[in-house]
């Protein structure tokens, strides 16, 4: 009986070692997937903030242009003077 048990001990040891290695690989994969998902969320949030900033800047530029066209906000005085005065370098 002891001989049979002694013959099974190496197989049980190798089985436990295999189980531990596979378990460690699965846990590492789970942690890596969570880290990648967190990085992707951060990248999407950063891209969304940058896109929102670009959209705000574009909207401000469009509003400035609309104001200048309608006369609500004056274009700079130097721009008016340059366009209205004759060029002396011709």
N, C-alpha and C. Protein backbone atom coordinates (compact mmCIF):
# COMPACT_ATOMS: atom_id res chain seq x y z
N UNK A 1 0.81 -1.20 0.00
CA UNK A 1 0.00 0.00 0.00
C UNK A 1 0.85 1.26 0.00
N UNK A 2 1.91 1.24 0.82
CA UNK A 2 2.83 2.38 0.87
C UNK A 2 3.57 2.54 -0.45
N UNK A 3 3.85 1.46 -1.09
CA UNK A 3 4.53 1.56 -2.37
C UNK A 3 3.65 2.24 -3.41
N UNK A 4 2.35 1.97 -3.41
CA UNK A 4 1.42 2.58 -4.35
C UNK A 4 1.30 4.08 -4.07
N UNK A 5 1.24 4.43 -2.79
CA UNK A 5 1.17 5.83 -2.40
C UNK A 5 2.46 6.55 -2.78
N UNK A 6 3.57 5.92 -2.59
CA UNK A 6 4.87 6.48 -2.97
C UNK A 6 4.98 6.69 -4.47
N UNK A 7 4.33 5.86 -5.25
CA UNK A 7 4.36 5.99 -6.70
C UNK A 7 3.48 7.16 -7.16
N UNK A 8 2.47 7.50 -6.39
CA UNK A 8 1.56 8.58 -6.76
C UNK A 8 2.08 9.96 -6.34
N UNK A 9 2.94 10.04 -5.35
CA UNK A 9 3.42 11.33 -4.84
C UNK A 9 4.08 12.17 -5.94
N UNK A 10 4.98 11.65 -6.77
CA UNK A 10 5.57 12.48 -7.83
C UNK A 10 4.52 13.00 -8.82
N UNK A 11 3.56 12.16 -9.17
CA UNK A 11 2.52 12.60 -10.10
C UNK A 11 1.66 13.70 -9.47
N UNK A 12 1.33 13.56 -8.21
CA UNK A 12 0.55 14.58 -7.52
C UNK A 12 1.35 15.88 -7.43
N UNK A 13 2.64 15.78 -7.13
CA UNK A 13 3.50 16.97 -7.05
C UNK A 13 3.58 17.70 -8.39
N UNK A 14 3.76 16.96 -9.46
CA UNK A 14 3.82 17.57 -10.79
C UNK A 14 2.46 18.18 -11.14
N UNK A 15 1.38 17.52 -10.79
CA UNK A 15 0.03 18.05 -11.04
C UNK A 15 -0.19 19.36 -10.29
N UNK A 16 0.23 19.43 -9.02
CA UNK A 16 0.09 20.66 -8.24
C UNK A 16 0.96 21.78 -8.81
N UNK A 17 2.16 21.44 -9.25
CA UNK A 17 3.04 22.44 -9.86
C UNK A 17 2.42 22.97 -11.15
N UNK A 18 1.87 22.08 -11.97
CA UNK A 18 1.20 22.48 -13.21
C UNK A 18 0.01 23.40 -12.90
N UNK A 19 -0.80 23.02 -11.91
CA UNK A 19 -1.95 23.83 -11.51
C UNK A 19 -1.51 25.22 -11.07
N UNK A 20 -0.43 25.31 -10.29
CA UNK A 20 0.05 26.60 -9.79
C UNK A 20 0.54 27.49 -10.95
N UNK A 21 1.27 26.91 -11.89
CA UNK A 21 1.80 27.67 -13.03
C UNK A 21 0.65 28.18 -13.90
N UNK A 22 -0.32 27.34 -14.21
CA UNK A 22 -1.45 27.75 -15.03
C UNK A 22 -2.27 28.82 -14.31
N UNK A 23 -2.46 28.67 -13.00
CA UNK A 23 -3.19 29.66 -12.21
C UNK A 23 -2.47 31.01 -12.25
N UNK A 24 -1.13 31.00 -12.12
CA UNK A 24 -0.36 32.24 -12.17
C UNK A 24 -0.48 32.90 -13.55
N UNK A 25 -0.47 32.11 -14.62
CA UNK A 25 -0.62 32.67 -15.96
C UNK A 25 -1.99 33.30 -16.15
N UNK A 26 -3.03 32.65 -15.66
CA UNK A 26 -4.39 33.19 -15.80
C UNK A 26 -4.52 34.49 -15.01
N UNK A 27 -3.98 34.54 -13.80
CA UNK A 27 -4.05 35.77 -13.00
C UNK A 27 -3.25 36.90 -13.64
N UNK A 28 -2.08 36.57 -14.20
CA UNK A 28 -1.28 37.60 -14.87
C UNK A 28 -2.02 38.15 -16.08
N UNK A 29 -2.66 37.27 -16.84
CA UNK A 29 -3.42 37.70 -18.01
C UNK A 29 -4.57 38.61 -17.58
N UNK A 30 -5.25 38.25 -16.51
CA UNK A 30 -6.37 39.06 -16.02
C UNK A 30 -5.89 40.44 -15.60
N UNK A 31 -4.75 40.50 -14.89
CA UNK A 31 -4.20 41.80 -14.47
C UNK A 31 -3.76 42.62 -15.67
N UNK A 32 -3.15 41.97 -16.67
CA UNK A 32 -2.72 42.69 -17.87
C UNK A 32 -3.91 43.26 -18.63
N UNK A 33 -4.97 42.47 -18.78
CA UNK A 33 -6.17 42.96 -19.47
C UNK A 33 -6.79 44.15 -18.74
N UNK A 34 -6.80 44.10 -17.42
CA UNK A 34 -7.35 45.22 -16.64
C UNK A 34 -6.48 46.47 -16.82
N UNK A 35 -5.16 46.29 -16.83
CA UNK A 35 -4.26 47.44 -17.01
C UNK A 35 -4.41 48.04 -18.41
N UNK A 36 -4.52 47.20 -19.43
CA UNK A 36 -4.70 47.69 -20.80
C UNK A 36 -6.03 48.43 -20.93
N UNK A 37 -7.08 47.89 -20.32
CA UNK A 37 -8.38 48.55 -20.37
C UNK A 37 -8.32 49.92 -19.69
N UNK A 38 -7.63 50.00 -18.56
CA UNK A 38 -7.49 51.29 -17.86
C UNK A 38 -6.71 52.29 -18.71
N UNK A 39 -5.65 51.83 -19.37
CA UNK A 39 -4.87 52.73 -20.24
C UNK A 39 -5.71 53.20 -21.42
N UNK A 40 -6.50 52.31 -22.00
CA UNK A 40 -7.35 52.70 -23.13
C UNK A 40 -8.42 53.69 -22.70
N UNK A 41 -8.99 53.49 -21.49
CA UNK A 41 -9.97 54.45 -20.98
C UNK A 41 -9.33 55.81 -20.79
N UNK A 42 -8.11 55.83 -20.25
CA UNK A 42 -7.40 57.10 -20.04
C UNK A 42 -7.09 57.77 -21.38
N UNK A 43 -6.68 56.98 -22.37
CA UNK A 43 -6.40 57.54 -23.70
C UNK A 43 -7.66 58.11 -24.34
N UNK A 44 -8.77 57.37 -24.22
CA UNK A 44 -10.03 57.87 -24.78
C UNK A 44 -10.48 59.14 -24.08
N UNK A 45 -10.29 59.20 -22.76
CA UNK A 45 -10.68 60.40 -22.02
C UNK A 45 -9.81 61.58 -22.42
N UNK A 46 -8.50 61.33 -22.57
CA UNK A 46 -7.58 62.40 -22.97
C UNK A 46 -7.91 62.86 -24.39
N UNK A 47 -8.19 61.92 -25.27
CA UNK A 47 -8.55 62.28 -26.65
C UNK A 47 -9.86 63.05 -26.68
N UNK A 48 -10.79 62.67 -25.83
CA UNK A 48 -12.06 63.39 -25.77
C UNK A 48 -11.88 64.81 -25.27
N UNK A 49 -11.00 64.99 -24.29
CA UNK A 49 -10.73 66.33 -23.78
C UNK A 49 -10.04 67.17 -24.85
N UNK A 50 -9.08 66.58 -25.55
CA UNK A 50 -8.39 67.32 -26.60
C UNK A 50 -9.36 67.69 -27.72
N UNK A 51 -10.23 66.74 -28.08
CA UNK A 51 -11.19 67.00 -29.13
C UNK A 51 -12.16 68.09 -28.70
N UNK A 52 -12.59 68.05 -27.44
CA UNK A 52 -13.50 69.09 -26.94
C UNK A 52 -12.81 70.45 -26.96
N UNK A 53 -11.53 70.49 -26.61
CA UNK A 53 -10.77 71.75 -26.65
C UNK A 53 -10.63 72.26 -28.07
N UNK A 54 -10.39 71.36 -29.01
CA UNK A 54 -10.27 71.78 -30.41
C UNK A 54 -11.62 72.27 -30.94
N UNK A 55 -12.69 71.60 -30.53
CA UNK A 55 -14.02 72.03 -30.99
C UNK A 55 -14.36 73.40 -30.41
N UNK A 56 -14.00 73.62 -29.12
CA UNK A 56 -14.25 74.93 -28.51
C UNK A 56 -13.45 76.01 -29.22
N UNK A 57 -12.18 75.71 -29.53
CA UNK A 57 -11.34 76.70 -30.22
C UNK A 57 -11.91 76.99 -31.61
N UNK A 58 -12.34 75.96 -32.31
CA UNK A 58 -12.94 76.17 -33.63
C UNK A 58 -14.22 76.96 -33.55
N UNK A 59 -15.02 76.69 -32.52
CA UNK A 59 -16.27 77.44 -32.36
C UNK A 59 -15.97 78.91 -32.06
N UNK A 60 -14.94 79.16 -31.22
CA UNK A 60 -14.57 80.54 -30.92
C UNK A 60 -14.10 81.26 -32.18
N UNK A 61 -13.30 80.55 -33.01
CA UNK A 61 -12.83 81.18 -34.26
C UNK A 61 -14.01 81.48 -35.17
N UNK A 62 -14.95 80.54 -35.25
CA UNK A 62 -16.12 80.78 -36.11
C UNK A 62 -16.94 81.95 -35.58
N UNK A 63 -17.09 82.03 -34.26
CA UNK A 63 -17.86 83.14 -33.69
C UNK A 63 -17.16 84.48 -33.94
N UNK A 64 -15.83 84.50 -33.81
CA UNK A 64 -15.09 85.73 -34.09
C UNK A 64 -15.28 86.15 -35.54
N UNK A 65 -15.20 85.20 -36.43
CA UNK A 65 -15.40 85.49 -37.85
C UNK A 65 -16.80 85.98 -38.13
N UNK A 66 -17.78 85.38 -37.49
CA UNK A 66 -19.16 85.79 -37.68
C UNK A 66 -19.36 87.21 -37.15
N UNK A 67 -18.76 87.51 -35.99
CA UNK A 67 -18.87 88.86 -35.43
C UNK A 67 -18.23 89.88 -36.36
N UNK A 68 -17.09 89.54 -36.92
CA UNK A 68 -16.40 90.49 -37.80
C UNK A 68 -17.21 90.72 -39.07
N UNK A 69 -17.87 89.69 -39.57
CA UNK A 69 -18.66 89.85 -40.78
C UNK A 69 -19.93 90.66 -40.54
N UNK A 70 -20.53 90.50 -39.38
CA UNK A 70 -21.77 91.21 -39.11
C UNK A 70 -21.53 92.59 -38.53
N UNK A 71 -20.32 92.90 -38.17
CA UNK A 71 -20.01 94.21 -37.62
C UNK A 71 -20.23 94.29 -36.12
N UNK A 72 -20.52 93.15 -35.50
CA UNK A 72 -20.74 93.16 -34.05
C UNK A 72 -19.44 93.45 -33.30
N UNK A 73 -18.35 92.98 -33.81
CA UNK A 73 -17.06 93.22 -33.16
C UNK A 73 -16.14 93.80 -34.22
N UNK A 74 -15.47 94.88 -33.92
CA UNK A 74 -14.60 95.49 -34.94
C UNK A 74 -13.40 94.62 -35.24
N UNK A 75 -13.01 94.60 -36.47
CA UNK A 75 -11.76 93.99 -36.86
C UNK A 75 -10.70 94.98 -36.42
N UNK A 76 -9.49 94.55 -36.23
CA UNK A 76 -8.49 95.48 -35.69
C UNK A 76 -8.33 96.69 -36.61
N UNK A 77 -8.02 97.82 -36.01
CA UNK A 77 -7.91 99.07 -36.76
C UNK A 77 -6.79 98.99 -37.79
N UNK A 78 -5.72 98.27 -37.50
CA UNK A 78 -4.63 98.17 -38.46
C UNK A 78 -5.07 97.39 -39.69
N UNK A 79 -5.92 96.38 -39.51
CA UNK A 79 -6.43 95.64 -40.66
C UNK A 79 -7.24 96.56 -41.56
N UNK A 80 -8.11 97.38 -40.96
CA UNK A 80 -8.91 98.32 -41.75
C UNK A 80 -8.03 99.31 -42.48
N UNK A 81 -7.03 99.84 -41.78
CA UNK A 81 -6.16 100.85 -42.38
C UNK A 81 -5.36 100.25 -43.53
N UNK A 82 -4.91 99.03 -43.39
CA UNK A 82 -4.12 98.40 -44.45
C UNK A 82 -4.96 98.16 -45.69
N UNK A 83 -6.20 97.78 -45.50
CA UNK A 83 -7.05 97.48 -46.64
C UNK A 83 -7.59 98.74 -47.32
N UNK A 84 -7.73 99.80 -46.59
CA UNK A 84 -8.33 101.01 -47.14
C UNK A 84 -7.31 101.99 -47.70
N UNK A 85 -6.12 101.98 -47.20
CA UNK A 85 -5.13 102.95 -47.65
C UNK A 85 -4.40 102.44 -48.89
N UNK A 86 -4.01 103.32 -49.78
CA UNK A 86 -3.26 102.90 -50.97
C UNK A 86 -1.87 102.43 -50.57
N UNK A 87 -1.39 101.46 -51.30
CA UNK A 87 -0.07 100.91 -50.98
C UNK A 87 0.99 101.79 -51.60
N UNK A 88 1.96 102.19 -50.83
CA UNK A 88 2.99 103.08 -51.32
C UNK A 88 4.16 102.32 -51.97
N UNK A 89 4.20 101.01 -51.80
CA UNK A 89 5.33 100.24 -52.33
C UNK A 89 5.10 99.73 -53.74
N UNK A 90 4.05 100.16 -54.41
CA UNK A 90 3.78 99.68 -55.78
C UNK A 90 4.56 100.41 -56.80
